[in-house]
């Protein structure tokens, strides 16, 4: 319930200020919504989200390590896990 409230707060903020898509991705991942987390990470790449710099080494993303879309994203960013 708390993660869902945080997600709604971030979406409300995004209506009037920049919210890094990687932040939304983290909340979706916490909710177990892996596909939506990956969608947000792909949006983060398009938005040139600076937080993706650490995508290959940040432990919070470890759950996605074996996912083909995550591997492809790392490749597009020139990163590896």
PDB file of N, CA and C in Angstrom:
ATOM      1  N   UNK A   1       0.823  -1.190   0.000  1.00  0.00           N
ATOM      2  CA  UNK A   1       0.000   0.000   0.000  1.00  0.00           C
ATOM      3  C   UNK A   1       0.869   1.257   0.000  1.00  0.00           C
ATOM      4  N   UNK A   2       1.949   1.218   0.770  1.00  0.00           N
ATOM      5  CA  UNK A   2       2.846   2.375   0.852  1.00  0.00           C
ATOM      6  C   UNK A   2       3.526   2.647  -0.494  1.00  0.00           C
ATOM      7  N   UNK A   3       3.969   1.588  -1.169  1.00  0.00           N
ATOM      8  CA  UNK A   3       4.609   1.757  -2.483  1.00  0.00           C
ATOM      9  C   UNK A   3       3.622   2.333  -3.488  1.00  0.00           C
ATOM     10  N   UNK A   4       2.380   1.893  -3.435  1.00  0.00           N
ATOM     11  CA  UNK A   4       1.361   2.413  -4.347  1.00  0.00           C
ATOM     12  C   UNK A   4       1.120   3.902  -4.086  1.00  0.00           C
ATOM     13  N   UNK A   5       1.125   4.308  -2.824  1.00  0.00           N
ATOM     14  CA  UNK A   5       0.953   5.724  -2.473  1.00  0.00           C
ATOM     15  C   UNK A   5       2.130   6.551  -2.979  1.00  0.00           C
ATOM     16  N   UNK A   6       3.323   6.010  -2.861  1.00  0.00           N
ATOM     17  CA  UNK A   6       4.513   6.711  -3.361  1.00  0.00           C
ATOM     18  C   UNK A   6       4.428   6.872  -4.867  1.00  0.00           C
ATOM     19  N   UNK A   7       4.003   5.829  -5.556  1.00  0.00           N
ATOM     20  CA  UNK A   7       3.857   5.900  -7.013  1.00  0.00           C
ATOM     21  C   UNK A   7       2.866   6.988  -7.407  1.00  0.00           C
ATOM     22  N   UNK A   8       1.750   7.045  -6.724  1.00  0.00           N
ATOM     23  CA  UNK A   8       0.738   8.067  -7.027  1.00  0.00           C
ATOM     24  C   UNK A   8       1.282   9.474  -6.755  1.00  0.00           C
ATOM     25  N   UNK A   9       2.048   9.619  -5.688  1.00  0.00           N
ATOM     26  CA  UNK A   9       2.650  10.918  -5.381  1.00  0.00           C
ATOM     27  C   UNK A   9       3.636  11.330  -6.475  1.00  0.00           C
ATOM     28  N   UNK A  10       4.447  10.391  -6.927  1.00  0.00           N
ATOM     29  CA  UNK A  10       5.400  10.696  -8.000  1.00  0.00           C
ATOM     30  C   UNK A  10       4.684  11.083  -9.285  1.00  0.00           C
ATOM     31  N   UNK A  11       3.617  10.376  -9.603  1.00  0.00           N
ATOM     32  CA  UNK A  11       2.831  10.709 -10.810  1.00  0.00           C
ATOM     33  C   UNK A  11       2.215  12.097 -10.689  1.00  0.00           C
ATOM     34  N   UNK A  12       1.735  12.445  -9.508  1.00  0.00           N
ATOM     35  CA  UNK A  12       1.157  13.781  -9.299  1.00  0.00           C
ATOM     36  C   UNK A  12       2.226  14.852  -9.473  1.00  0.00           C
ATOM     37  N   UNK A  13       3.419  14.610  -8.939  1.00  0.00           N
ATOM     38  CA  UNK A  13       4.522  15.567  -9.111  1.00  0.00           C
ATOM     39  C   UNK A  13       4.902  15.712 -10.574  1.00  0.00           C
ATOM     40  N   UNK A  14       4.884  14.583 -11.286  1.00  0.00           N
ATOM     41  CA  UNK A  14       5.285  14.591 -12.697  1.00  0.00           C
ATOM     42  C   UNK A  14       4.371  15.458 -13.553  1.00  0.00           C
ATOM     43  N   UNK A  15       3.193  15.755 -13.055  1.00  0.00           N
ATOM     44  CA  UNK A  15       2.266  16.620 -13.797  1.00  0.00           C
ATOM     45  C   UNK A  15       2.764  18.051 -13.864  1.00  0.00           C
ATOM     46  N   UNK A  16       3.639  18.448 -12.918  1.00  0.00           N
ATOM     47  CA  UNK A  16       4.091  19.839 -12.913  1.00  0.00           C
ATOM     48  C   UNK A  16       5.598  20.014 -12.766  1.00  0.00           C
ATOM     49  N   UNK A  17       6.329  18.927 -12.593  1.00  0.00           N
ATOM     50  CA  UNK A  17       7.785  19.025 -12.490  1.00  0.00           C
ATOM     51  C   UNK A  17       8.397  17.721 -13.006  1.00  0.00           C
ATOM     52  N   UNK A  18       9.687  17.752 -13.269  1.00  0.00           N
ATOM     53  CA  UNK A  18      10.358  16.564 -13.793  1.00  0.00           C
ATOM     54  C   UNK A  18      10.548  15.528 -12.690  1.00  0.00           C
ATOM     55  N   UNK A  19      10.126  14.327 -12.985  1.00  0.00           N
ATOM     56  CA  UNK A  19      10.359  13.179 -12.108  1.00  0.00           C
ATOM     57  C   UNK A  19      11.128  12.165 -12.950  1.00  0.00           C
ATOM     58  N   UNK A  20      12.334  11.812 -12.543  1.00  0.00           N
ATOM     59  CA  UNK A  20      13.106  10.850 -13.335  1.00  0.00           C
ATOM     60  C   UNK A  20      12.341   9.535 -13.506  1.00  0.00           C
ATOM     61  N   UNK A  21      12.217   9.060 -14.742  1.00  0.00           N
ATOM     62  CA  UNK A  21      11.528   7.791 -14.962  1.00  0.00           C
ATOM     63  C   UNK A  21      12.145   6.631 -14.175  1.00  0.00           C
ATOM     64  N   UNK A  22      13.435   6.731 -13.870  1.00  0.00           N
ATOM     65  CA  UNK A  22      14.062   5.661 -13.086  1.00  0.00           C
ATOM     66  C   UNK A  22      13.458   5.578 -11.681  1.00  0.00           C
ATOM     67  N   UNK A  23      13.007   6.694 -11.136  1.00  0.00           N
ATOM     68  CA  UNK A  23      12.335   6.665  -9.828  1.00  0.00           C
ATOM     69  C   UNK A  23      11.019   5.901  -9.916  1.00  0.00           C
ATOM     70  N   UNK A  24      10.280   6.143 -10.990  1.00  0.00           N
ATOM     71  CA  UNK A  24       9.032   5.397 -11.199  1.00  0.00           C
ATOM     72  C   UNK A  24       9.336   3.913 -11.389  1.00  0.00           C
ATOM     73  N   UNK A  25      10.415   3.614 -12.101  1.00  0.00           N
ATOM     74  CA  UNK A  25      10.794   2.225 -12.331  1.00  0.00           C
ATOM     75  C   UNK A  25      11.084   1.509 -11.016  1.00  0.00           C
ATOM     76  N   UNK A  26      11.759   2.181 -10.106  1.00  0.00           N
ATOM     77  CA  UNK A  26      12.065   1.565  -8.813  1.00  0.00           C
ATOM     78  C   UNK A  26      10.803   1.210  -8.037  1.00  0.00           C
ATOM     79  N   UNK A  27       9.837   2.083  -8.074  1.00  0.00           N
ATOM     80  CA  UNK A  27       8.595   1.813  -7.346  1.00  0.00           C
ATOM     81  C   UNK A  27       7.849   0.657  -8.010  1.00  0.00           C
ATOM     82  N   UNK A  28       7.798   0.647  -9.336  1.00  0.00           N
ATOM     83  CA  UNK A  28       7.137  -0.463 -10.027  1.00  0.00           C
ATOM     84  C   UNK A  28       7.835  -1.788  -9.702  1.00  0.00           C
ATOM     85  N   UNK A  29       9.159  -1.757  -9.644  1.00  0.00           N
ATOM     86  CA  UNK A  29       9.896  -2.969  -9.299  1.00  0.00           C
ATOM     87  C   UNK A  29       9.557  -3.421  -7.880  1.00  0.00           C
ATOM     88  N   UNK A  30       9.448  -2.480  -6.959  1.00  0.00           N
ATOM     89  CA  UNK A  30       9.081  -2.809  -5.576  1.00  0.00           C
ATOM     90  C   UNK A  30       7.688  -3.420  -5.505  1.00  0.00           C
ATOM     91  N   UNK A  31       6.824  -3.035  -6.430  1.00  0.00           N
ATOM     92  CA  UNK A  31       5.465  -3.575  -6.479  1.00  0.00           C
ATOM     93  C   UNK A  31       5.400  -4.918  -7.217  1.00  0.00           C
ATOM     94  N   UNK A  32       6.548  -5.361  -7.724  1.00  0.00           N
ATOM     95  CA  UNK A  32       6.578  -6.619  -8.466  1.00  0.00           C
ATOM     96  C   UNK A  32       6.154  -6.482  -9.912  1.00  0.00           C
ATOM     97  N   UNK A  33       6.048  -5.259 -10.380  1.00  0.00           N
ATOM     98  CA  UNK A  33       5.612  -4.974 -11.752  1.00  0.00           C
ATOM     99  C   UNK A  33       6.838  -4.812 -12.645  1.00  0.00           C
ATOM    100  N   UNK A  34       7.474  -5.946 -12.952  1.00  0.00           N
ATOM    101  CA  UNK A  34       8.743  -5.935 -13.678  1.00  0.00           C
ATOM    102  C   UNK A  34       8.622  -5.332 -15.073  1.00  0.00           C
ATOM    103  N   UNK A  35       7.577  -5.683 -15.802  1.00  0.00           N
ATOM    104  CA  UNK A  35       7.430  -5.165 -17.173  1.00  0.00           C
ATOM    105  C   UNK A  35       7.266  -3.649 -17.173  1.00  0.00           C
ATOM    106  N   UNK A  36       6.479  -3.129 -16.241  1.00  0.00           N
ATOM    107  CA  UNK A  36       6.302  -1.674 -16.163  1.00  0.00           C
ATOM    108  C   UNK A  36       7.593  -1.013 -15.700  1.00  0.00           C
ATOM    109  N   UNK A  37       8.333  -1.659 -14.823  1.00  0.00           N
ATOM    110  CA  UNK A  37       9.639  -1.134 -14.413  1.00  0.00           C
ATOM    111  C   UNK A  37      10.564  -1.028 -15.628  1.00  0.00           C
ATOM    112  N   UNK A  38      10.560  -2.053 -16.461  1.00  0.00           N
ATOM    113  CA  UNK A  38      11.381  -2.019 -17.675  1.00  0.00           C
ATOM    114  C   UNK A  38      10.889  -0.947 -18.646  1.00  0.00           C
ATOM    115  N   UNK A  39       9.573  -0.772 -18.755  1.00  0.00           N
ATOM    116  CA  UNK A  39       9.036   0.308 -19.593  1.00  0.00           C
ATOM    117  C   UNK A  39       9.563   1.659 -19.118  1.00  0.00           C
ATOM    118  N   UNK A  40       9.561   1.860 -17.808  1.00  0.00           N
ATOM    119  CA  UNK A  40      10.037   3.127 -17.254  1.00  0.00           C
ATOM    120  C   UNK A  40      11.541   3.291 -17.447  1.00  0.00           C
ATOM    121  N   UNK A  41      12.291   2.201 -17.362  1.00  0.00           N
ATOM    122  CA  UNK A  41      13.735   2.291 -17.612  1.00  0.00           C
ATOM    123  C   UNK A  41      14.009   2.658 -19.069  1.00  0.00           C
ATOM    124  N   UNK A  42      13.216   2.123 -19.974  1.00  0.00           N
ATOM    125  CA  UNK A  42      13.374   2.489 -21.380  1.00  0.00           C
ATOM    126  C   UNK A  42      13.017   3.961 -21.588  1.00  0.00           C
ATOM    127  N   UNK A  43      11.991   4.436 -20.896  1.00  0.00           N
ATOM    128  CA  UNK A  43      11.645   5.861 -20.953  1.00  0.00           C
ATOM    129  C   UNK A  43      12.773   6.697 -20.359  1.00  0.00           C
ATOM    130  N   UNK A  44      13.395   6.182 -19.317  1.00  0.00           N
ATOM    131  CA  UNK A  44      14.520   6.888 -18.686  1.00  0.00           C
ATOM    132  C   UNK A  44      15.679   7.032 -19.663  1.00  0.00           C
ATOM    133  N   UNK A  45      15.916   5.999 -20.455  1.00  0.00           N
ATOM    134  CA  UNK A  45      16.982   6.082 -21.449  1.00  0.00           C
ATOM    135  C   UNK A  45      16.649   7.167 -22.474  1.00  0.00           C
ATOM    136  N   UNK A  46      15.423   7.199 -22.932  1.00  0.00           N
ATOM    137  CA  UNK A  46      14.998   8.220 -23.901  1.00  0.00           C
ATOM    138  C   UNK A  46      15.112   9.628 -23.319  1.00  0.00           C
ATOM    139  N   UNK A  47      14.846   9.748 -22.018  1.00  0.00           N
ATOM    140  CA  UNK A  47      14.902  11.049 -21.346  1.00  0.00           C
ATOM    141  C   UNK A  47      16.315  11.407 -20.900  1.00  0.00           C
ATOM    142  N   UNK A  48      17.261  10.504 -21.149  1.00  0.00           N
ATOM    143  CA  UNK A  48      18.653  10.705 -20.732  1.00  0.00           C
ATOM    144  C   UNK A  48      18.764  10.913 -19.215  1.00  0.00           C
ATOM    145  N   UNK A  49      18.048  10.085 -18.507  1.00  0.00           N
ATOM    146  CA  UNK A  49      18.022  10.101 -17.045  1.00  0.00           C
ATOM    147  C   UNK A  49      19.418   9.767 -16.515  1.00  0.00           C
ATOM    148  N   UNK A  50      20.014  10.695 -15.800  1.00  0.00           N
ATOM    149  CA  UNK A  50      21.381  10.527 -15.293  1.00  0.00           C
ATOM    150  C   UNK A  50      21.514   9.365 -14.311  1.00  0.00           C
ATOM    151  N   UNK A  51      20.430   8.987 -13.668  1.00  0.00           N
ATOM    152  CA  UNK A  51      20.494   7.905 -12.692  1.00  0.00           C
ATOM    153  C   UNK A  51      20.784   6.552 -13.340  1.00  0.00           C
ATOM    154  N   UNK A  52      20.627   6.463 -14.659  1.00  0.00           N
ATOM    155  CA  UNK A  52      20.924   5.213 -15.346  1.00  0.00           C
ATOM    156  C   UNK A  52      22.421   4.937 -15.407  1.00  0.00           C
ATOM    157  N   UNK A  53      23.217   5.924 -15.088  1.00  0.00           N
ATOM    158  CA  UNK A  53      24.665   5.748 -15.069  1.00  0.00           C
ATOM    159  C   UNK A  53      25.052   4.560 -14.192  1.00  0.00           C
ATOM    160  N   UNK A  54      24.306   4.327 -13.149  1.00  0.00           N
ATOM    161  CA  UNK A  54      24.616   3.289 -12.175  1.00  0.00           C
ATOM    162  C   UNK A  54      23.777   2.017 -12.359  1.00  0.00           C
ATOM    163  N   UNK A  55      23.063   1.932 -13.451  1.00  0.00           N
ATOM    164  CA  UNK A  55      22.142   0.819 -13.678  1.00  0.00           C
ATOM    165  C   UNK A  55      22.831  -0.547 -13.607  1.00  0.00           C
ATOM    166  N   UNK A  56      24.048  -0.636 -14.089  1.00  0.00           N
ATOM    167  CA  UNK A  56      24.746  -1.905 -14.111  1.00  0.00           C
ATOM    168  C   UNK A  56      25.323  -2.344 -12.782  1.00  0.00           C
ATOM    169  N   UNK A  57      25.424  -1.422 -11.838  1.00  0.00           N
ATOM    170  CA  UNK A  57      26.057  -1.765 -10.554  1.00  0.00           C
ATOM    171  C   UNK A  57      25.165  -1.550  -9.338  1.00  0.00           C
ATOM    172  N   UNK A  58      24.076  -0.847  -9.506  1.00  0.00           N
ATOM    173  CA  UNK A  58      23.172  -0.564  -8.379  1.00  0.00           C
ATOM    174  C   UNK A  58      22.434  -1.833  -7.974  1.00  0.00           C
ATOM    175  N   UNK A  59      22.594  -2.293  -6.727  1.00  0.00           N
ATOM    176  CA  UNK A  59      21.961  -3.547  -6.281  1.00  0.00           C
ATOM    177  C   UNK A  59      20.438  -3.564  -6.394  1.00  0.00           C
ATOM    178  N   UNK A  60      19.815  -2.409  -6.365  1.00  0.00           N
ATOM    179  CA  UNK A  60      18.342  -2.383  -6.429  1.00  0.00           C
ATOM    180  C   UNK A  60      17.811  -2.960  -7.747  1.00  0.00           C
ATOM    181  N   UNK A  61      18.653  -2.981  -8.784  1.00  0.00           N
ATOM    182  CA  UNK A  61      18.226  -3.489 -10.081  1.00  0.00           C
ATOM    183  C   UNK A  61      18.573  -4.965 -10.273  1.00  0.00           C
ATOM    184  N   UNK A  62      19.195  -5.603  -9.291  1.00  0.00           N
ATOM    185  CA  UNK A  62      19.661  -6.990  -9.417  1.00  0.00           C
ATOM    186  C   UNK A  62      18.539  -7.951  -9.817  1.00  0.00           C
ATOM    187  N   UNK A  63      17.346  -7.686  -9.378  1.00  0.00           N
ATOM    188  CA  UNK A  63      16.198  -8.545  -9.703  1.00  0.00           C
ATOM    189  C   UNK A  63      15.965  -8.650 -11.206  1.00  0.00           C
ATOM    190  N   UNK A  64      16.375  -7.634 -11.952  1.00  0.00           N
ATOM    191  CA  UNK A  64      16.168  -7.627 -13.401  1.00  0.00           C
ATOM    192  C   UNK A  64      17.352  -8.194 -14.176  1.00  0.00           C
ATOM    193  N   UNK A  65      18.408  -8.567 -13.482  1.00  0.00           N
ATOM    194  CA  UNK A  65      19.668  -8.946 -14.136  1.00  0.00           C
ATOM    195  C   UNK A  65      19.510 -10.012 -15.218  1.00  0.00           C
ATOM    196  N   UNK A  66      18.655 -10.983 -15.050  1.00  0.00           N
ATOM    197  CA  UNK A  66      18.515 -12.038 -16.037  1.00  0.00           C
ATOM    198  C   UNK A  66      17.504 -11.760 -17.133  1.00  0.00           C
ATOM    199  N   UNK A  67      16.842 -10.633 -17.068  1.00  0.00           N
ATOM    200  CA  UNK A  67      15.788 -10.317 -18.027  1.00  0.00           C
ATOM    201  C   UNK A  67      16.397  -9.825 -19.341  1.00  0.00           C
ATOM    202  N   UNK A  68      15.954 -10.377 -20.484  1.00  0.00           N
ATOM    203  CA  UNK A  68      16.514  -9.970 -21.778  1.00  0.00           C
ATOM    204  C   UNK A  68      16.357  -8.472 -22.080  1.00  0.00           C
ATOM    205  N   UNK A  69      15.236  -7.883 -21.691  1.00  0.00           N
ATOM    206  CA  UNK A  69      15.045  -6.443 -21.934  1.00  0.00           C
ATOM    207  C   UNK A  69      16.031  -5.619 -21.120  1.00  0.00           C
ATOM    208  N   UNK A  70      16.322  -6.068 -19.908  1.00  0.00           N
ATOM    209  CA  UNK A  70      17.279  -5.356 -19.065  1.00  0.00           C
ATOM    210  C   UNK A  70      18.670  -5.455 -19.672  1.00  0.00           C
ATOM    211  N   UNK A  71      19.043  -6.653 -20.126  1.00  0.00           N
ATOM    212  CA  UNK A  71      20.342  -6.844 -20.769  1.00  0.00           C
ATOM    213  C   UNK A  71      20.459  -5.982 -22.021  1.00  0.00           C
ATOM    214  N   UNK A  72      19.392  -5.916 -22.802  1.00  0.00           N
ATOM    215  CA  UNK A  72      19.396  -5.090 -24.009  1.00  0.00           C
ATOM    216  C   UNK A  72      19.553  -3.611 -23.652  1.00  0.00           C
ATOM    217  N   UNK A  73      18.888  -3.183 -22.615  1.00  0.00           N
ATOM    218  CA  UNK A  73      18.988  -1.795 -22.169  1.00  0.00           C
ATOM    219  C   UNK A  73      20.411  -1.465 -21.735  1.00  0.00           C
ATOM    220  N   UNK A  74      21.013  -2.358 -20.965  1.00  0.00           N
ATOM    221  CA  UNK A  74      22.398  -2.149 -20.561  1.00  0.00           C
ATOM    222  C   UNK A  74      23.301  -2.038 -21.778  1.00  0.00           C
ATOM    223  N   UNK A  75      23.070  -2.883 -22.771  1.00  0.00           N
ATOM    224  CA  UNK A  75      23.861  -2.842 -23.993  1.00  0.00           C
ATOM    225  C   UNK A  75      23.714  -1.524 -24.732  1.00  0.00           C
ATOM    226  N   UNK A  76      22.485  -1.026 -24.834  1.00  0.00           N
ATOM    227  CA  UNK A  76      22.234   0.253 -25.508  1.00  0.00           C
ATOM    228  C   UNK A  76      22.919   1.394 -24.785  1.00  0.00           C
ATOM    229  N   UNK A  77      23.042   1.266 -23.467  1.00  0.00           N
ATOM    230  CA  UNK A  77      23.664   2.313 -22.662  1.00  0.00           C
ATOM    231  C   UNK A  77      25.185   2.152 -22.583  1.00  0.00           C
ATOM    232  N   UNK A  78      25.696   1.047 -23.130  1.00  0.00           N
ATOM    233  CA  UNK A  78      27.127   0.788 -23.064  1.00  0.00           C
ATOM    234  C   UNK A  78      27.578   0.359 -21.679  1.00  0.00           C
ATOM    235  N   UNK A  79      26.664  -0.253 -20.923  1.00  0.00           N
ATOM    236  CA  UNK A  79      26.943  -0.720 -19.571  1.00  0.00           C
ATOM    237  C   UNK A  79      26.900  -2.240 -19.539  1.00  0.00           C
ATOM    238  N   UNK A  80      27.412  -2.797 -18.482  1.00  0.00           N
ATOM    239  CA  UNK A  80      27.266  -4.242 -18.275  1.00  0.00           C
ATOM    240  C   UNK A  80      27.097  -4.524 -16.805  1.00  0.00           C
ATOM    241  N   UNK A  81      26.602  -5.687 -16.523  1.00  0.00           N
ATOM    242  CA  UNK A  81      26.328  -6.098 -15.133  1.00  0.00           C
ATOM    243  C   UNK A  81      27.367  -7.083 -14.711  1.00  0.00           C
TER     244      UNK A  81
END
